[in-house]
Structure formats: structure tokens, C-alpha cells
Amino acid sequence: MAGFRQSVGTDTDDPQFIELVGELSLTSPLFRRLWGRHEIRVRQGASLRFEHPQLGELRVDREKLAVTGNEGMILVIYHAAAGSTDADKLALLASTAAG
């Protein structure tokens, strides 16, 4: 719930948002209780695993960043831990794409 509240930000006067929160509040005591806490939590990244056809398993972290001034636009960044085998694999992919 805290992540949902954070994603809404200050756009709480949007009619569709008001309608959604109203419907959920009427039909779900759990939603009503959690929404009433007014908690906000920063979105956390996620770890993902891909199976690349040439490089095999590739583990990366994903971060989502809101783009200011562009409602609903999110920049998604995939990165590997510095110095890891996965970072080496990403560097190899970047070098083949550049050439």
C-alpha cells in the first residue's frame, strides 16, 4: 500500500484516482485500514535473471525512476554489480553492440 501511495504522489485530485480509492475503500476493510495509515515507501529495485543465448545466465538489478514533468513515464535501468561476472558479460554485450 505504501508503494501505491508513493506512486500516486501529489496527484490525489485526479478523478480516476479518487474513484478507485473510493471503490476500494468501500469494498475492502483491509484496503481502508492500510490506506488510512498514510505510509509512503520508496520503491525498491528488483533482481532479475535472464538466460542469454550466448552468455548464459545473466543476473541484473532493475531500478525504476519517475521522469519529472512527464506523467506516467518511467525510466527503467538494468545494471550488474560492479566487478561481477555479470558486469563483465554486460560489458561484452556493449562492446559487440558498438562494433
N, C-alpha and C. Protein backbone atom coordinates (compact mmCIF):
# COMPACT_ATOMS: atom_id res chain seq x y z
N MET A 1 0.82 -1.19 0.00
CA MET A 1 0.00 0.00 0.00
C MET A 1 0.87 1.25 0.00
N ALA A 2 1.96 1.21 0.78
CA ALA A 2 2.83 2.38 0.85
C ALA A 2 3.45 2.69 -0.51
N GLY A 3 3.76 1.65 -1.29
CA GLY A 3 4.30 1.85 -2.64
C GLY A 3 3.26 2.47 -3.56
N PHE A 4 2.01 2.06 -3.42
CA PHE A 4 0.92 2.62 -4.22
C PHE A 4 0.76 4.10 -3.90
N ARG A 5 0.76 4.43 -2.61
CA ARG A 5 0.62 5.82 -2.20
C ARG A 5 1.78 6.65 -2.74
N GLN A 6 3.00 6.10 -2.71
CA GLN A 6 4.17 6.82 -3.21
C GLN A 6 4.05 7.04 -4.71
N SER A 7 3.53 6.05 -5.43
CA SER A 7 3.43 6.17 -6.88
C SER A 7 2.41 7.22 -7.30
N VAL A 8 1.42 7.46 -6.46
CA VAL A 8 0.41 8.48 -6.75
C VAL A 8 0.98 9.87 -6.53
N GLY A 9 1.86 10.00 -5.55
CA GLY A 9 2.47 11.30 -5.26
C GLY A 9 1.44 12.33 -4.86
N THR A 10 1.51 13.49 -5.46
CA THR A 10 0.59 14.57 -5.10
C THR A 10 -0.60 14.66 -6.04
N ASP A 11 -0.74 13.70 -6.94
CA ASP A 11 -1.82 13.73 -7.93
C ASP A 11 -3.10 13.13 -7.36
N THR A 12 -3.44 13.51 -6.14
CA THR A 12 -4.60 12.92 -5.48
C THR A 12 -5.92 13.56 -5.86
N ASP A 13 -5.89 14.60 -6.70
CA ASP A 13 -7.15 15.21 -7.13
C ASP A 13 -7.63 14.67 -8.47
N ASP A 14 -6.92 13.69 -9.02
CA ASP A 14 -7.31 13.05 -10.28
C ASP A 14 -8.63 12.30 -10.06
N PRO A 15 -9.66 12.59 -10.85
CA PRO A 15 -10.97 11.94 -10.67
C PRO A 15 -10.91 10.41 -10.72
N GLN A 16 -10.09 9.85 -11.60
CA GLN A 16 -10.00 8.38 -11.67
C GLN A 16 -9.35 7.82 -10.41
N PHE A 17 -8.37 8.51 -9.88
CA PHE A 17 -7.74 8.09 -8.63
C PHE A 17 -8.74 8.13 -7.48
N ILE A 18 -9.50 9.22 -7.39
CA ILE A 18 -10.49 9.36 -6.33
C ILE A 18 -11.53 8.24 -6.42
N GLU A 19 -11.97 7.95 -7.63
CA GLU A 19 -12.96 6.88 -7.83
C GLU A 19 -12.40 5.52 -7.41
N LEU A 20 -11.15 5.23 -7.82
CA LEU A 20 -10.54 3.96 -7.48
C LEU A 20 -10.39 3.79 -5.97
N VAL A 21 -9.84 4.79 -5.31
CA VAL A 21 -9.66 4.71 -3.85
C VAL A 21 -11.01 4.60 -3.16
N GLY A 22 -12.01 5.31 -3.65
CA GLY A 22 -13.35 5.22 -3.07
C GLY A 22 -13.94 3.82 -3.19
N GLU A 23 -13.85 3.24 -4.38
CA GLU A 23 -14.37 1.88 -4.59
C GLU A 23 -13.64 0.87 -3.71
N LEU A 24 -12.31 0.96 -3.69
CA LEU A 24 -11.53 0.02 -2.88
C LEU A 24 -11.82 0.19 -1.39
N SER A 25 -12.00 1.42 -0.95
CA SER A 25 -12.30 1.68 0.46
C SER A 25 -13.65 1.12 0.86
N LEU A 26 -14.62 1.19 -0.05
CA LEU A 26 -15.96 0.68 0.25
C LEU A 26 -16.00 -0.84 0.27
N THR A 27 -15.23 -1.48 -0.59
CA THR A 27 -15.33 -2.94 -0.72
C THR A 27 -14.30 -3.71 0.09
N SER A 28 -13.26 -3.04 0.58
CA SER A 28 -12.19 -3.78 1.28
C SER A 28 -11.82 -3.12 2.60
N PRO A 29 -12.21 -3.75 3.71
CA PRO A 29 -11.79 -3.22 5.01
C PRO A 29 -10.25 -3.18 5.15
N LEU A 30 -9.57 -4.16 4.57
CA LEU A 30 -8.11 -4.18 4.63
C LEU A 30 -7.53 -2.98 3.89
N PHE A 31 -8.02 -2.69 2.69
CA PHE A 31 -7.56 -1.52 1.95
C PHE A 31 -7.81 -0.26 2.76
N ARG A 32 -9.01 -0.14 3.29
CA ARG A 32 -9.39 1.05 4.05
C ARG A 32 -8.44 1.26 5.24
N ARG A 33 -8.12 0.19 5.94
CA ARG A 33 -7.22 0.27 7.09
C ARG A 33 -5.80 0.66 6.66
N LEU A 34 -5.29 -0.02 5.61
CA LEU A 34 -3.93 0.27 5.14
C LEU A 34 -3.83 1.67 4.54
N TRP A 35 -4.84 2.08 3.78
CA TRP A 35 -4.83 3.41 3.17
C TRP A 35 -4.85 4.49 4.26
N GLY A 36 -5.56 4.21 5.33
CA GLY A 36 -5.66 5.17 6.42
C GLY A 36 -4.36 5.40 7.18
N ARG A 37 -3.38 4.52 7.01
CA ARG A 37 -2.10 4.68 7.70
C ARG A 37 -1.26 5.81 7.11
N HIS A 38 -1.50 6.16 5.87
CA HIS A 38 -0.77 7.22 5.17
C HIS A 38 0.73 6.94 5.07
N GLU A 39 1.09 5.66 4.95
CA GLU A 39 2.51 5.30 4.82
C GLU A 39 2.97 5.53 3.39
N ILE A 40 4.22 5.95 3.26
CA ILE A 40 4.84 6.10 1.95
C ILE A 40 6.16 5.35 2.00
N ARG A 41 6.41 4.55 0.98
CA ARG A 41 7.64 3.77 0.91
C ARG A 41 8.25 3.97 -0.47
N VAL A 42 9.53 4.23 -0.47
CA VAL A 42 10.25 4.38 -1.74
C VAL A 42 10.29 3.03 -2.43
N ARG A 43 10.05 3.04 -3.73
CA ARG A 43 10.11 1.79 -4.49
C ARG A 43 11.52 1.22 -4.45
N GLN A 44 11.58 -0.06 -4.26
CA GLN A 44 12.87 -0.74 -4.26
C GLN A 44 13.08 -1.39 -5.61
N GLY A 45 14.32 -1.54 -5.96
CA GLY A 45 14.64 -2.24 -7.20
C GLY A 45 14.36 -3.73 -7.06
N ALA A 46 14.61 -4.43 -8.12
CA ALA A 46 14.39 -5.87 -8.11
C ALA A 46 15.57 -6.55 -8.81
N SER A 47 15.87 -7.76 -8.39
CA SER A 47 16.89 -8.55 -9.07
C SER A 47 16.21 -9.47 -10.06
N LEU A 48 16.78 -9.55 -11.25
CA LEU A 48 16.21 -10.37 -12.32
C LEU A 48 17.28 -11.29 -12.88
N ARG A 49 16.82 -12.40 -13.41
CA ARG A 49 17.73 -13.35 -14.05
C ARG A 49 17.26 -13.56 -15.48
N PHE A 50 18.20 -13.42 -16.41
CA PHE A 50 17.92 -13.66 -17.82
C PHE A 50 18.80 -14.81 -18.30
N GLU A 51 18.34 -15.51 -19.29
CA GLU A 51 19.14 -16.54 -19.94
C GLU A 51 19.48 -16.02 -21.33
N HIS A 52 20.72 -15.56 -21.49
CA HIS A 52 21.17 -15.02 -22.77
C HIS A 52 21.64 -16.17 -23.65
N PRO A 53 21.31 -16.16 -24.96
CA PRO A 53 21.65 -17.29 -25.84
C PRO A 53 23.16 -17.57 -25.95
N GLN A 54 23.99 -16.54 -25.88
CA GLN A 54 25.43 -16.77 -26.00
C GLN A 54 26.16 -16.70 -24.65
N LEU A 55 25.69 -15.89 -23.74
CA LEU A 55 26.41 -15.66 -22.49
C LEU A 55 25.89 -16.47 -21.31
N GLY A 56 24.78 -17.13 -21.50
CA GLY A 56 24.22 -17.92 -20.40
C GLY A 56 23.46 -17.05 -19.41
N GLU A 57 23.48 -17.48 -18.16
CA GLU A 57 22.73 -16.77 -17.13
C GLU A 57 23.32 -15.39 -16.88
N LEU A 58 22.43 -14.42 -16.77
CA LEU A 58 22.82 -13.04 -16.54
C LEU A 58 21.92 -12.48 -15.45
N ARG A 59 22.51 -12.08 -14.34
CA ARG A 59 21.74 -11.51 -13.23
C ARG A 59 21.98 -10.01 -13.18
N VAL A 60 20.88 -9.26 -13.16
CA VAL A 60 20.97 -7.80 -13.12
C VAL A 60 19.99 -7.27 -12.08
N ASP A 61 20.23 -6.04 -11.68
CA ASP A 61 19.31 -5.32 -10.81
C ASP A 61 18.55 -4.31 -11.66
N ARG A 62 17.29 -4.11 -11.32
CA ARG A 62 16.44 -3.18 -12.06
C ARG A 62 16.03 -2.04 -11.14
N GLU A 63 16.14 -0.83 -11.65
CA GLU A 63 15.68 0.35 -10.93
C GLU A 63 14.68 1.08 -11.82
N LYS A 64 13.62 1.58 -11.23
CA LYS A 64 12.63 2.37 -11.95
C LYS A 64 12.66 3.79 -11.40
N LEU A 65 12.79 4.75 -12.29
CA LEU A 65 12.87 6.15 -11.90
C LEU A 65 11.77 6.95 -12.61
N ALA A 66 11.02 7.70 -11.86
CA ALA A 66 9.99 8.55 -12.45
C ALA A 66 10.65 9.69 -13.20
N VAL A 67 10.12 10.02 -14.36
CA VAL A 67 10.63 11.13 -15.16
C VAL A 67 9.79 12.36 -14.84
N THR A 68 10.41 13.34 -14.20
CA THR A 68 9.72 14.54 -13.78
C THR A 68 9.15 15.30 -14.98
N GLY A 69 7.91 15.74 -14.83
CA GLY A 69 7.28 16.53 -15.88
C GLY A 69 6.62 15.71 -16.97
N ASN A 70 6.72 14.40 -16.90
CA ASN A 70 6.09 13.51 -17.89
C ASN A 70 5.27 12.47 -17.14
N GLU A 71 4.04 12.80 -16.90
CA GLU A 71 3.17 11.95 -16.09
C GLU A 71 3.14 10.51 -16.59
N GLY A 72 3.42 9.59 -15.69
CA GLY A 72 3.37 8.17 -16.01
C GLY A 72 4.60 7.63 -16.71
N MET A 73 5.56 8.47 -17.04
CA MET A 73 6.75 7.99 -17.73
C MET A 73 7.79 7.54 -16.69
N ILE A 74 8.33 6.35 -16.92
CA ILE A 74 9.31 5.78 -16.01
C ILE A 74 10.53 5.35 -16.82
N LEU A 75 11.70 5.67 -16.30
CA LEU A 75 12.95 5.22 -16.90
C LEU A 75 13.38 3.96 -16.16
N VAL A 76 13.60 2.88 -16.88
CA VAL A 76 13.99 1.62 -16.28
C VAL A 76 15.47 1.36 -16.60
N ILE A 77 16.26 1.11 -15.56
CA ILE A 77 17.69 0.89 -15.71
C ILE A 77 18.03 -0.51 -15.22
N TYR A 78 18.75 -1.26 -16.04
CA TYR A 78 19.25 -2.57 -15.66
C TYR A 78 20.76 -2.46 -15.49
N HIS A 79 21.28 -2.97 -14.39
CA HIS A 79 22.72 -2.89 -14.14
C HIS A 79 23.16 -4.10 -13.33
N ALA A 80 24.43 -4.39 -13.43
CA ALA A 80 25.01 -5.50 -12.67
C ALA A 80 25.96 -4.93 -11.62
N ALA A 81 26.20 -5.69 -10.59
CA ALA A 81 27.12 -5.26 -9.53
C ALA A 81 28.52 -5.06 -10.12
N ALA A 82 29.14 -3.95 -9.77
CA ALA A 82 30.48 -3.63 -10.27
C ALA A 82 31.46 -4.76 -9.93
N GLY A 83 32.27 -5.12 -10.91
CA GLY A 83 33.28 -6.15 -10.71
C GLY A 83 32.77 -7.58 -10.76
N SER A 84 31.47 -7.75 -10.99
CA SER A 84 30.90 -9.10 -11.02
C SER A 84 31.05 -9.72 -12.41
N THR A 85 30.87 -11.01 -12.47
CA THR A 85 30.86 -11.72 -13.76
C THR A 85 29.75 -11.17 -14.65
N ASP A 86 28.62 -10.83 -14.03
CA ASP A 86 27.51 -10.28 -14.79
C ASP A 86 27.87 -8.92 -15.39
N ALA A 87 28.62 -8.10 -14.66
CA ALA A 87 29.07 -6.81 -15.21
C ALA A 87 29.99 -7.04 -16.40
N ASP A 88 30.85 -8.06 -16.31
CA ASP A 88 31.73 -8.39 -17.43
C ASP A 88 30.91 -8.82 -18.65
N LYS A 89 29.86 -9.58 -18.41
CA LYS A 89 29.00 -10.03 -19.52
C LYS A 89 28.29 -8.85 -20.17
N LEU A 90 27.81 -7.90 -19.35
CA LEU A 90 27.17 -6.72 -19.91
C LEU A 90 28.16 -5.87 -20.71
N ALA A 91 29.40 -5.76 -20.22
CA ALA A 91 30.42 -5.02 -20.96
C ALA A 91 30.70 -5.68 -22.30
N LEU A 92 30.74 -7.01 -22.31
CA LEU A 92 30.94 -7.74 -23.56
C LEU A 92 29.80 -7.49 -24.54
N LEU A 93 28.57 -7.51 -24.03
CA LEU A 93 27.42 -7.22 -24.89
C LEU A 93 27.50 -5.80 -25.44
N ALA A 94 27.90 -4.85 -24.61
CA ALA A 94 28.00 -3.46 -25.05
C ALA A 94 29.07 -3.31 -26.12
N SER A 95 30.19 -4.03 -25.98
CA SER A 95 31.26 -3.91 -26.96
C SER A 95 30.86 -4.51 -28.30
N THR A 96 30.08 -5.58 -28.28
CA THR A 96 29.64 -6.18 -29.55
C THR A 96 28.58 -5.32 -30.23
N ALA A 97 27.77 -4.63 -29.43
CA ALA A 97 26.72 -3.76 -29.99
C ALA A 97 27.35 -2.50 -30.60
N ALA A 98 28.46 -2.03 -30.02
CA ALA A 98 29.11 -0.81 -30.50
C ALA A 98 29.90 -1.07 -31.78
N GLY A 99 30.28 -2.30 -32.03
CA GLY A 99 31.15 -2.60 -33.16
C GLY A 99 30.45 -3.01 -34.35
